[in-house]
Structures are given as C-alpha cells and as structure tokens.
Protein backbone atom coordinates (compact mmCIF):
# COMPACT_ATOMS: atom_id res chain seq x y z
CA MET A 1 -61.28 -161.42 -242.31
CA THR A 2 -60.89 -160.26 -238.69
CA ARG A 3 -57.75 -160.34 -236.57
CA GLY A 4 -59.20 -159.24 -233.18
CA CYS A 5 -59.41 -162.67 -231.62
CA PRO A 6 -55.67 -163.41 -231.50
CA ALA A 7 -55.12 -160.03 -229.78
CA VAL A 8 -57.73 -160.78 -227.11
CA VAL A 9 -56.32 -164.25 -226.51
CA GLY A 10 -52.84 -162.77 -226.15
CA ALA A 11 -54.04 -160.28 -223.54
CA TRP A 12 -55.64 -163.02 -221.48
CA LEU A 13 -52.47 -165.09 -221.62
CA LEU A 14 -50.44 -162.10 -220.40
CA VAL A 15 -52.79 -161.53 -217.42
CA ALA A 16 -52.71 -165.23 -216.53
CA ALA A 17 -48.93 -165.24 -216.66
CA LEU A 18 -48.73 -162.22 -214.35
CA LEU A 19 -51.15 -163.80 -211.91
CA ALA A 20 -49.20 -167.03 -211.94
CA ALA A 21 -45.99 -165.15 -211.32
CA GLY A 22 -47.58 -163.24 -208.43
CA CYS A 23 -48.90 -166.39 -206.80
CA GLY A 24 -45.56 -168.06 -206.92
CA SER A 25 -43.51 -165.18 -205.46
CA ARG A 26 -42.48 -165.11 -201.77
CA GLY A 27 -42.39 -161.92 -199.71
CA SER A 28 -40.50 -161.18 -196.50
CA PRO A 29 -41.46 -163.63 -193.71
CA LEU A 30 -43.73 -162.22 -190.99
CA PRO A 31 -42.42 -162.31 -187.42
CA PRO A 32 -44.11 -164.91 -185.21
CA LEU A 33 -46.95 -163.68 -183.03
CA ARG A 34 -45.56 -163.19 -179.52
CA ILE A 35 -48.22 -163.89 -176.89
CA VAL A 36 -47.62 -162.18 -173.55
CA PRO A 37 -49.85 -161.30 -170.59
CA ALA A 38 -52.16 -158.35 -171.10
CA THR A 39 -51.26 -154.95 -169.72
CA ILE A 40 -52.46 -154.26 -166.18
CA THR A 41 -54.74 -151.24 -166.20
CA PRO A 42 -55.43 -149.10 -164.38
CA VAL A 43 -52.96 -148.85 -161.49
CA GLU A 44 -53.98 -146.40 -158.78
CA VAL A 45 -51.86 -145.12 -155.89
CA THR A 46 -53.00 -143.46 -152.66
CA ARG A 47 -50.87 -142.10 -149.85
CA LEU A 48 -51.91 -142.20 -146.20
CA GLY A 49 -49.10 -140.98 -143.96
CA ASP A 50 -46.03 -143.12 -144.64
CA ARG A 51 -48.00 -145.85 -146.44
CA VAL A 52 -48.63 -145.97 -150.18
CA TYR A 53 -51.46 -148.21 -151.41
CA VAL A 54 -51.00 -149.54 -154.95
CA GLU A 55 -54.29 -150.98 -156.23
CA PHE A 56 -55.20 -152.79 -159.44
CA VAL A 57 -56.98 -155.86 -160.77
CA ALA A 58 -54.94 -159.01 -161.40
CA PRO A 59 -54.96 -159.55 -165.20
CA GLU A 60 -57.05 -162.40 -166.55
CA GLU A 61 -56.17 -162.53 -170.25
CA ASP A 62 -53.26 -162.53 -172.67
CA SER A 63 -52.42 -159.85 -175.19
CA ASP A 64 -54.46 -161.71 -177.85
CA GLY A 65 -57.54 -161.83 -175.61
CA THR A 66 -57.16 -165.48 -174.54
CA THR A 67 -58.75 -166.27 -171.17
CA PRO A 68 -57.67 -167.43 -168.71
CA GLY A 69 -54.31 -165.90 -169.50
CA ASP A 70 -50.94 -167.58 -169.21
CA ILE A 71 -50.02 -165.56 -166.12
CA ILE A 72 -48.10 -166.95 -163.17
CA ARG A 73 -46.79 -163.85 -161.46
CA VAL A 74 -47.22 -160.11 -161.08
CA GLU A 75 -44.41 -157.77 -160.07
CA VAL A 76 -44.74 -154.20 -158.80
CA TYR A 77 -41.85 -151.76 -159.21
CA ALA A 78 -41.28 -148.23 -157.94
CA VAL A 79 -38.64 -145.56 -158.50
CA THR A 80 -38.15 -142.03 -157.17
CA THR A 81 -36.97 -139.37 -159.61
CA GLN A 82 -36.52 -135.62 -159.70
CA PRO A 83 -38.38 -134.18 -162.70
CA GLU A 84 -36.70 -131.38 -164.61
CA LEU A 85 -38.48 -128.41 -166.11
CA ARG A 86 -39.31 -128.77 -169.79
CA GLN A 87 -37.65 -132.19 -169.94
CA PRO A 88 -39.46 -135.33 -171.14
CA ARG A 89 -39.87 -138.07 -168.58
CA PRO A 90 -37.82 -141.22 -169.15
CA PRO A 91 -39.67 -144.13 -170.75
CA VAL A 92 -40.33 -147.40 -168.93
CA ASP A 93 -37.54 -149.39 -170.51
CA GLU A 94 -34.62 -151.52 -169.38
CA ASP A 95 -32.89 -148.53 -167.79
CA TRP A 96 -36.07 -147.71 -165.87
CA PHE A 97 -36.35 -151.23 -164.44
CA ASP A 98 -32.62 -151.25 -163.58
CA ALA A 99 -33.11 -148.12 -161.48
CA ALA A 100 -36.42 -149.21 -159.94
CA THR A 101 -37.01 -151.21 -156.76
CA LEU A 102 -39.07 -154.39 -156.76
CA VAL A 103 -41.74 -153.50 -154.21
CA ALA A 104 -43.74 -156.74 -154.27
CA THR A 105 -44.18 -159.96 -156.21
CA PHE A 106 -46.92 -162.56 -155.89
CA ASP A 107 -48.24 -165.61 -157.68
CA VAL A 108 -51.33 -165.52 -159.88
CA GLU A 109 -53.47 -168.57 -160.66
CA PRO A 110 -56.56 -169.16 -162.83
CA PRO A 111 -59.85 -168.08 -161.27
CA ASP A 112 -60.85 -171.60 -160.17
CA ALA A 113 -57.43 -172.58 -158.80
CA ALA A 114 -56.43 -169.78 -156.42
CA GLN A 115 -57.39 -169.87 -152.76
CA SER A 116 -60.42 -167.93 -151.67
CA PRO A 117 -59.95 -164.45 -150.20
CA ASP A 118 -60.99 -165.82 -146.78
CA ASP A 119 -58.12 -168.33 -146.91
CA ALA A 120 -55.52 -165.90 -148.27
CA THR A 121 -54.32 -164.56 -144.93
CA GLY A 122 -50.56 -164.82 -145.39
CA VAL A 123 -48.12 -162.26 -146.71
CA SER A 124 -45.97 -163.20 -149.68
CA THR A 125 -42.23 -163.44 -149.24
CA LEU A 126 -40.44 -160.50 -150.81
CA PRO A 127 -37.20 -160.86 -152.75
CA GLU A 128 -33.94 -159.84 -151.13
CA ASP A 129 -33.78 -156.57 -153.07
CA ALA A 130 -37.30 -155.49 -152.11
CA ALA A 131 -37.65 -152.11 -150.47
CA GLU A 132 -37.26 -151.93 -146.72
CA GLY A 133 -40.66 -151.73 -145.06
CA ALA A 134 -42.48 -152.93 -148.18
CA LEU A 135 -45.43 -155.20 -147.61
CA ALA A 136 -47.12 -157.52 -150.07
CA PRO A 137 -50.62 -158.92 -150.57
CA ALA A 138 -51.67 -162.51 -150.00
CA PRO A 139 -49.24 -165.08 -151.49
CA VAL A 140 -51.65 -166.24 -154.20
CA VAL A 141 -54.43 -164.33 -155.93
CA ALA A 142 -56.83 -165.34 -158.67
CA GLN A 143 -56.98 -163.71 -162.05
CA GLY A 144 -59.52 -160.89 -161.89
CA ASP A 145 -59.12 -160.34 -158.13
CA ASP A 146 -58.61 -156.90 -156.63
CA VAL A 147 -55.03 -156.53 -155.42
CA THR A 148 -53.59 -154.09 -152.89
CA VAL A 149 -49.85 -153.67 -152.39
CA VAL A 150 -48.72 -151.58 -149.42
CA GLU A 151 -45.35 -149.85 -149.42
CA ARG A 152 -43.94 -148.07 -146.38
CA LEU A 153 -42.07 -144.92 -147.35
CA THR A 154 -38.63 -144.76 -145.73
CA PRO A 155 -35.89 -142.11 -146.03
CA GLU A 156 -34.21 -144.32 -148.63
CA THR A 157 -37.30 -144.47 -150.85
CA LEU A 158 -37.53 -140.66 -150.91
CA VAL A 159 -34.08 -140.16 -152.47
CA PRO A 160 -34.30 -139.52 -156.25
CA VAL A 161 -32.20 -141.66 -158.58
CA ILE A 162 -30.98 -141.03 -162.12
CA ILE A 163 -32.38 -143.32 -164.79
CA GLY A 164 -29.87 -144.37 -167.45
CA GLU A 165 -26.37 -143.07 -168.16
CA PRO A 166 -25.73 -139.72 -169.88
CA ASP A 167 -24.83 -140.15 -173.55
CA ASP A 168 -21.86 -138.58 -175.35
CA GLU A 169 -23.90 -135.61 -176.57
CA ASP A 170 -24.87 -134.76 -172.99
CA GLU A 171 -21.21 -134.92 -171.94
CA GLU A 172 -20.21 -132.61 -174.82
CA GLU A 173 -22.91 -130.16 -173.76
CA ASP A 174 -21.55 -130.27 -170.21
CA ASP A 175 -18.06 -129.48 -171.57
CA ASP A 176 -19.48 -126.52 -173.50
CA GLU A 177 -21.13 -125.23 -170.35
CA ASP A 178 -17.72 -125.00 -168.69
CA GLU A 179 -16.63 -122.33 -171.18
CA PRO A 180 -17.28 -118.77 -170.00
CA VAL A 181 -20.20 -117.07 -171.68
CA ARG A 182 -21.28 -113.46 -171.69
CA GLN A 183 -24.29 -112.97 -169.45
CA VAL A 184 -27.16 -111.03 -170.97
CA PRO A 185 -29.26 -109.08 -168.46
CA ARG A 186 -32.75 -110.48 -168.12
CA PRO A 187 -35.94 -109.06 -166.68
CA VAL A 188 -36.28 -109.55 -162.94
CA VAL A 189 -38.77 -112.37 -162.46
CA ALA A 190 -39.42 -114.92 -159.77
CA PRO A 191 -37.46 -118.14 -160.25
CA PRO A 192 -39.55 -121.10 -161.36
CA PHE A 193 -40.70 -123.55 -158.72
CA GLU A 194 -38.58 -126.68 -158.64
CA PRO A 195 -40.80 -129.68 -159.34
CA LEU A 196 -41.42 -132.05 -156.46
CA PRO A 197 -39.76 -135.46 -156.54
CA ILE A 198 -42.17 -138.16 -157.65
CA ARG A 199 -42.38 -141.83 -156.86
CA SER A 200 -43.59 -143.77 -159.87
CA TYR A 201 -45.22 -147.21 -159.72
CA VAL A 202 -45.56 -149.82 -162.46
CA ALA A 203 -47.13 -153.29 -162.39
CA VAL A 204 -46.26 -155.98 -164.92
CA ALA A 205 -47.50 -159.56 -165.45
CA ILE A 206 -45.19 -162.51 -166.18
CA SER A 207 -46.10 -165.64 -168.18
CA SER A 208 -45.08 -169.25 -167.50
CA ARG A 209 -42.31 -168.80 -170.09
CA GLU A 210 -40.99 -165.85 -168.07
CA ARG A 211 -42.19 -163.46 -170.75
CA MET A 212 -42.98 -160.02 -169.42
CA GLY A 213 -46.12 -158.28 -170.61
CA ASP A 214 -46.19 -154.61 -171.42
CA PRO A 215 -45.82 -152.57 -168.23
CA SER A 216 -48.80 -150.70 -166.92
CA ALA A 217 -49.14 -146.97 -167.31
CA ILE A 218 -47.04 -145.15 -164.73
CA ALA A 219 -48.90 -144.14 -161.56
CA ASP A 220 -47.15 -141.09 -160.08
CA LEU A 221 -47.18 -139.89 -156.50
CA PRO A 222 -45.70 -136.45 -155.69
CA LEU A 223 -43.43 -136.68 -152.65
CA THR A 224 -44.44 -133.65 -150.64
CA ASP A 225 -44.32 -133.42 -146.86
CA PRO A 226 -47.59 -134.88 -145.55
CA PRO A 227 -49.78 -132.53 -143.50
CA ALA A 228 -49.64 -132.71 -139.71
CA PRO A 229 -52.60 -134.29 -137.89
CA PRO A 230 -54.75 -132.60 -135.26
CA SER A 231 -53.12 -132.71 -131.84
CA GLY A 232 -54.59 -134.69 -128.98
CA LEU A 233 -57.55 -137.01 -128.96
CA PRO A 234 -60.74 -136.28 -130.86
CA VAL A 235 -63.63 -135.58 -128.51
CA VAL A 236 -66.43 -138.12 -128.94
CA THR A 237 -69.95 -137.69 -127.55
CA TYR A 238 -73.10 -139.57 -128.46
CA THR A 239 -76.82 -139.58 -127.97
CA GLU A 240 -79.37 -142.27 -128.64
CA GLU A 241 -79.41 -141.41 -132.35
CA SER A 242 -76.04 -139.88 -133.33
CA VAL A 243 -72.32 -139.60 -132.61
CA ASP A 244 -70.48 -136.28 -132.60
CA VAL A 245 -66.71 -136.12 -133.15
CA THR A 246 -64.79 -132.85 -132.76
CA TRP A 247 -61.08 -132.04 -132.85
CA THR A 248 -58.63 -129.14 -132.76
CA GLN A 249 -57.55 -127.60 -136.05
CA PRO A 250 -53.77 -127.94 -136.51
CA PRO A 251 -51.80 -124.71 -137.10
CA THR A 252 -50.62 -125.93 -140.52
CA PHE A 253 -54.17 -126.40 -141.82
CA ARG A 254 -54.49 -124.48 -145.10
CA ARG A 255 -57.61 -122.48 -145.75
CA PRO A 256 -58.66 -122.08 -149.40
CA VAL A 257 -57.59 -118.86 -151.12
CA HIS A 258 -60.64 -118.87 -153.37
CA VAL A 259 -63.96 -119.56 -151.70
CA GLU A 260 -66.98 -120.58 -153.72
CA SER A 261 -69.83 -118.07 -153.42
CA PRO A 262 -73.43 -119.28 -153.34
CA GLU A 263 -74.47 -116.25 -155.36
CA PRO A 264 -73.43 -115.66 -158.99
CA PRO A 265 -70.71 -112.99 -159.35
CA LEU A 266 -71.57 -109.50 -160.55
CA LEU A 267 -68.56 -109.59 -162.86
CA VAL A 268 -67.04 -112.72 -164.33
CA SER A 269 -63.32 -112.89 -163.63
CA ARG A 270 -60.51 -115.38 -163.90
CA ALA A 271 -57.68 -115.84 -161.42
CA VAL A 272 -54.22 -114.97 -162.72
CA LEU A 273 -52.66 -117.65 -160.51
CA GLU A 274 -54.36 -120.97 -159.87
CA TRP A 275 -54.06 -121.63 -156.15
CA PRO A 276 -54.13 -125.18 -154.77
CA ARG A 277 -57.15 -126.46 -152.92
CA GLY A 278 -57.32 -125.90 -149.21
CA SER A 279 -56.78 -128.63 -146.66
CA GLU A 280 -59.57 -131.03 -145.80
CA TYR A 281 -60.26 -133.57 -143.07
CA ALA A 282 -60.96 -137.29 -143.29
CA VAL A 283 -62.29 -139.26 -140.31
CA TYR A 284 -61.52 -142.97 -139.93
CA ASP A 285 -62.59 -145.82 -137.70
CA GLN A 286 -59.21 -147.30 -136.82
CA ALA A 287 -60.81 -150.42 -135.34
CA ALA A 288 -62.35 -151.43 -138.69
CA TRP A 289 -59.18 -151.75 -140.79
CA ASP A 290 -55.79 -153.43 -140.92
CA PRO A 291 -53.73 -150.68 -142.60
CA ASP A 292 -51.00 -153.14 -143.58
CA ALA A 293 -53.45 -155.25 -145.61
CA GLU A 294 -55.88 -152.83 -147.26
CA ARG A 295 -56.45 -149.14 -147.74
CA PRO A 296 -58.66 -147.74 -144.97
CA GLU A 297 -61.79 -146.01 -146.17
CA PRO A 298 -62.85 -142.87 -144.30
CA LEU A 299 -66.15 -142.77 -142.48
CA ALA A 300 -66.68 -139.32 -143.95
CA SER A 301 -64.85 -136.29 -145.27
CA PRO A 302 -66.34 -133.26 -143.49
CA GLY A 303 -64.48 -130.73 -145.64
CA ASP A 304 -62.65 -128.05 -143.68
CA GLU A 305 -64.89 -128.12 -140.59
CA PRO A 306 -63.34 -129.79 -137.50
CA THR A 307 -66.46 -131.74 -136.64
CA LEU A 308 -68.34 -134.83 -137.80
CA THR A 309 -71.80 -136.13 -136.96
CA GLU A 310 -72.74 -139.75 -137.61
CA ASP A 311 -76.48 -140.24 -137.87
CA SER A 312 -76.48 -143.72 -136.33
CA VAL A 313 -75.17 -145.42 -133.19
CA VAL A 314 -74.34 -149.10 -132.69
CA PHE A 315 -74.38 -149.73 -128.95
CA GLY A 316 -71.80 -152.17 -127.64
CA GLU A 317 -69.55 -151.87 -130.72
CA THR A 318 -66.05 -150.43 -130.38
CA ARG A 319 -65.33 -147.42 -132.55
CA CYS A 320 -61.89 -145.78 -132.67
CA TYR A 321 -62.11 -142.34 -134.23
CA ALA A 322 -58.98 -140.81 -135.78
CA VAL A 323 -58.58 -137.79 -138.04
CA ARG A 324 -56.22 -137.12 -140.95
CA VAL A 325 -55.56 -133.87 -142.77
CA VAL A 326 -55.61 -134.12 -146.57
CA ASP A 327 -53.64 -131.67 -148.73
CA TYR A 328 -53.63 -131.52 -152.52
CA VAL A 329 -50.76 -131.38 -154.98
CA GLY A 330 -52.60 -130.34 -158.10
CA THR A 331 -55.50 -132.78 -158.11
CA THR A 332 -53.63 -135.51 -156.19
CA PRO A 333 -54.72 -135.91 -152.54
CA VAL A 334 -51.97 -136.53 -149.97
CA ALA A 335 -53.27 -137.63 -146.57
CA GLY A 336 -51.06 -137.13 -143.55
CA PRO A 337 -50.63 -139.41 -140.54
CA ALA A 338 -53.62 -140.13 -138.36
CA SER A 339 -54.23 -138.39 -135.09
CA LEU A 340 -54.40 -140.32 -131.85
CA ALA A 341 -57.47 -142.54 -131.88
CA ASN A 342 -60.24 -142.13 -129.33
CA CYS A 343 -61.86 -145.53 -128.82
CA VAL A 344 -65.35 -145.61 -127.36
CA VAL A 345 -67.94 -148.31 -126.78
CA PRO A 346 -71.36 -146.61 -126.83
CA VAL A 347 -73.54 -147.83 -123.98
CA ASP A 348 -77.30 -147.62 -124.19
CA THR A 349 -78.32 -145.63 -121.13
CA PHE A 350 -81.29 -144.04 -122.86
CA PRO A 351 -84.72 -145.17 -121.55
CA PRO A 352 -87.81 -145.36 -123.73
CA ALA A 353 -90.42 -142.64 -123.61
CA ALA A 354 -93.23 -142.88 -121.08
CA PRO A 355 -96.26 -144.76 -122.47
CA THR A 356 -99.29 -142.67 -123.34
CA GLY A 357 -103.03 -143.16 -123.75
CA LEU A 358 -103.53 -145.42 -120.69
CA ILE A 359 -107.21 -146.33 -120.11
CA ALA A 360 -108.72 -148.54 -117.34
CA VAL A 361 -112.14 -150.24 -117.71
CA ALA A 362 -113.80 -152.41 -115.00
CA ASP A 363 -115.93 -155.47 -115.87
CA GLY A 364 -117.02 -158.69 -114.26
CA ASN A 365 -113.60 -160.30 -114.75
CA GLY A 366 -111.52 -157.50 -113.25
CA ILE A 367 -110.03 -154.28 -114.59
CA SER A 368 -108.77 -154.14 -118.20
CA LEU A 369 -105.96 -151.76 -119.19
CA VAL A 370 -104.99 -150.60 -122.71
CA TRP A 371 -102.44 -148.01 -123.88
CA ASP A 372 -100.75 -146.72 -127.00
CA PRO A 373 -97.67 -148.61 -128.27
CA ASN A 374 -94.21 -147.08 -127.99
CA GLY A 375 -92.18 -146.63 -131.18
CA GLU A 376 -88.63 -147.47 -130.02
CA GLU A 377 -86.86 -150.11 -132.12
CA ASP A 378 -85.22 -151.71 -129.07
CA LEU A 379 -88.44 -151.90 -127.06
CA ALA A 380 -88.68 -155.12 -125.00
CA GLY A 381 -92.08 -154.65 -123.33
CA TYR A 382 -93.98 -152.94 -120.55
CA VAL A 383 -94.36 -153.10 -116.77
CA VAL A 384 -97.79 -152.55 -115.17
CA LEU A 385 -97.83 -150.86 -111.75
CA ARG A 386 -100.81 -150.84 -109.35
CA GLY A 387 -101.62 -149.12 -106.10
CA THR A 388 -104.64 -148.91 -103.81
CA ALA A 389 -106.24 -145.55 -103.20
CA PRO A 390 -105.87 -143.29 -101.29
CA ASP A 391 -102.08 -143.79 -100.64
CA ALA A 392 -101.56 -145.45 -104.07
CA THR A 393 -98.15 -146.98 -103.32
CA LEU A 394 -97.44 -148.62 -106.68
CA GLN A 395 -96.38 -152.26 -106.91
CA ARG A 396 -95.35 -154.25 -109.97
CA LEU A 397 -98.06 -156.64 -111.14
CA SER A 398 -96.25 -158.77 -113.77
CA ALA A 399 -93.12 -160.85 -113.14
CA GLY A 400 -91.75 -160.16 -116.62
CA PRO A 401 -92.32 -157.52 -119.26
CA VAL A 402 -95.73 -157.42 -120.95
CA VAL A 403 -95.27 -157.59 -124.71
CA ALA A 404 -98.82 -156.53 -125.66
CA THR A 405 -100.30 -153.07 -125.11
CA ALA A 406 -103.11 -154.49 -122.98
CA PHE A 407 -103.33 -156.10 -119.54
CA GLN A 408 -106.18 -157.52 -117.43
CA ASP A 409 -105.92 -157.26 -113.65
CA THR A 410 -108.00 -160.14 -112.25
CA ARG A 411 -106.73 -159.96 -108.67
CA VAL A 412 -109.08 -157.21 -107.55
CA ALA A 413 -111.60 -156.88 -104.71
CA PRO A 414 -115.11 -155.63 -105.61
CA GLY A 415 -115.65 -152.04 -104.55
CA GLU A 416 -111.92 -151.37 -104.15
CA ARG A 417 -110.48 -148.42 -106.07
CA TYR A 418 -107.13 -148.98 -107.81
CA VAL A 419 -104.57 -146.66 -109.39
CA TYR A 420 -102.49 -147.82 -112.41
CA ARG A 421 -99.38 -146.64 -114.28
CA VAL A 422 -97.35 -148.28 -117.08
CA GLN A 423 -93.60 -148.12 -117.79
CA ALA A 424 -91.71 -149.20 -120.94
CA LEU A 425 -88.51 -151.32 -120.97
CA ASP A 426 -85.84 -151.61 -123.67
CA GLY A 427 -83.63 -154.58 -124.55
CA SER A 428 -80.48 -153.43 -122.75
CA ILE A 429 -78.93 -155.50 -119.97
CA PRO A 430 -79.97 -154.33 -117.44
CA PRO A 431 -82.95 -152.74 -119.18
CA ASN A 432 -83.54 -149.02 -119.22
CA VAL A 433 -86.91 -148.14 -117.69
CA SER A 434 -89.03 -145.24 -118.90
CA PRO A 435 -90.74 -142.72 -116.65
CA PRO A 436 -94.23 -143.90 -115.62
CA SER A 437 -97.26 -143.00 -117.66
CA GLU A 438 -100.01 -140.75 -116.42
CA ALA A 439 -101.99 -142.45 -113.62
CA VAL A 440 -105.53 -143.72 -114.12
CA ALA A 441 -107.93 -144.92 -111.39
CA GLU A 442 -110.83 -147.41 -111.57
CA THR A 443 -113.12 -149.14 -109.06
CA ALA A 444 -113.49 -152.91 -109.30
CA ARG A 445 -116.98 -154.40 -109.65
C-alpha cells in the first residue's frame, strides 16, 4: 500500500495557496506618469560682436514620444557666472532659474496651425524682466521649426551672479578661514589662470498645463573681450569674372604659435603647453542679412590672410563687404564686431571679345558672311560693318543686333569691292561693344 499520492496532493495545495496569496497582495502604488514636453536638444550659441545667437529646433513631441506634443510656449534663459577652479558647476535647478534672466519667450503651435515663416515678420513681446537689448524671434513658431533668439550683450549681462545661498557648512568653513594658520613655504610656480566668466543658456518647453519640461543641456559662451576689427573700409575691386576684397590686418591679430608643416617632422614631438589657435578672418555681405533676426553666414573664411577672392560676379547687385576677426577660446569661436562695410554695385563695363573666323563669299544674290560664334554668356548679338574700297569707311548695315553668326548683304553693286568687319554686343544697357574683327574684302558679282 503506497502513501505517495497524499504527499504530492499536499504539495500542490501548498503551491496553489502561495500563488493565491501572491495574487491577492497589494504592493506600493506606482506614481502616475507625468507627461511633459520633450527636452529641447541641441541648443547652440554663437557670438558675433555684441550679439549672441541662440539656435535650436522647436520641440514637436512630449516626453513619452506623443506627436504633436502638448507644447504652447518655449522660454530661453541665460545667466552669467564666474567658474571656480576645481569646483563643480551648479545644476540647473530652482536656484539656477531664480538667478537667470528670461531672455525670450514665444508661443509654439502644432505644425499645421502656426503661421508660415513668410508671414511671421513680427517680434514677440518680451516680459518686463527680460534682459535689456534682448530680441526675440517671430511671435508664433510651429513645432519642428528652426528658431533663432538674439540677445544683445550689455554691461549688465556681463556681470557674474552667485547661484543659490551658501549653506551652513560653507559659513563654518569661512569662519575657520579667519583663524590664523601657519604658512608652509611652497615651490615658486606661476599662479593658475582665473577662468573666464561664462554666460550659460538654457531653453525649456512649457505645456498647456504650465508644466515645464526638462531644461535643455547648458550651452556655454566664454565672455572674453571680442577681437578688434580691421580699421577702415575693405578695398573692393572686380573683373568680369571675380571680386577681390582686401583689408588691413589689425594690430591685435594673433598669429598661430604652432604652424602646420606640409612635410612630416624628422622627430615626433609634443608641445608642453597647448597654445590657442591663431586669429582668423570671416567676410560677410552685410546687405544680405538682418542681424537682429538671424545669424549672418560668412561668404568665406580666408584663414589668416587679409584677402578674399570670389569666383563670380553678379552685375547690378549691391554687395556690402565687411570683415570680422575670429578668436578662439579653447574650441569656441568668438567673432568680434564687423569692420566698416564697403558697398559696391558691380557694373558690367567689359565688352565681349572680337569675333573671329570671318569669311565673305560672293554669289548671285549678294555677298554672304559667316563667322565663329562668341562664347560669352551675356552675348546679345553682332553688328555687321561695311565699307567700300579703297577708303573703306565702315558703316553699320543692320538696325539691330544680328543673333545668328551669318549675314547676307544683298544691297551690293556688281563689280564693286566691299570690306567687312563684325563686332559683338553684350546684354548691358547700354551694350558693351567688342573690338572689330579682322577685315575681309570681296567683290560683288
């Protein structure tokens, strides 16, 4: 007689009881999911003279990935601080926002509801506590749009502030520092460089329930003195195919300490001290940008040479050339104010080349002329000139320009000898006329 079955049944009952007990128990309640706008990333800052351009993309989703996001507003804050050596930077918390300045605020609407960029020509109204000189983008932007906020740096914005209040431990340490201590002689070394003040920018999105999303990563801008621009006007000259801009190097222009060699070194070495990059130039067309609405893009960056050549010319279009000097703090470029702008309107005074390959052939209908076509892009046509030998005083045959590279002179007298030349015209007003071609002579039949 076996007794194993009751034991097995008992084990199953025990497991079932444990499972039943587990199903019926209640754990700690989970916190409700808090949906907020997604973090704005990335935020980029660029300095040109006394303007700082803060650029980012308006967020288009919530923290849970929902699109379009519940986002009605974006706010941009900035604060100037003085970093301390070997000290952690303060976090972006309530104390940070209390010390910061609201640089700009603007409304955000779903992609299909906001006005088009062509209609968004206004400037949003800033709050009363916005920084003096601060400018804002258009009053309404769509989710996913590129946004540019422009802040003008003033003496007030350059003054560092202290974030948060010192705690009791810091005050006790200050009291301890007041007690005299015995100075221990130290090796004579150069004092450490004091870090530059920095102006830090943060953008944050706000929901319709006035819930603030996580702030963006901090975008830092070192507050160094911007480099001086070249003095005087840039010198602008042009030809039919290019524009040359030259300027005077300012005395504060920094040449690089280490110069790259085109040849590999004989011995591989490493600098003991890492020197900053040398100064560079950036050339702008001041007529192409509104610096209070968007960040101007340079025409070119010619490095450290005070000259620029543009390989194209647009006749009749105003160009205002200005030059900035760009210094580097670490890897961060800091562009100084622009030089005086030299505005020019290139005028086409350049005639086409003289036509070539002119041939004259007499037949029963007159004298036929053919020649090789010119290659100028602005060519408008040709003028045929005729004279009678032997004096060959040339007169224009056609009232307007001849578009083709052939012409038949039917107003000829049999037995008369004629001399022909051809000139090319361009499309300028008045047109530029080329030198005459080589002369050819033919006798009419």
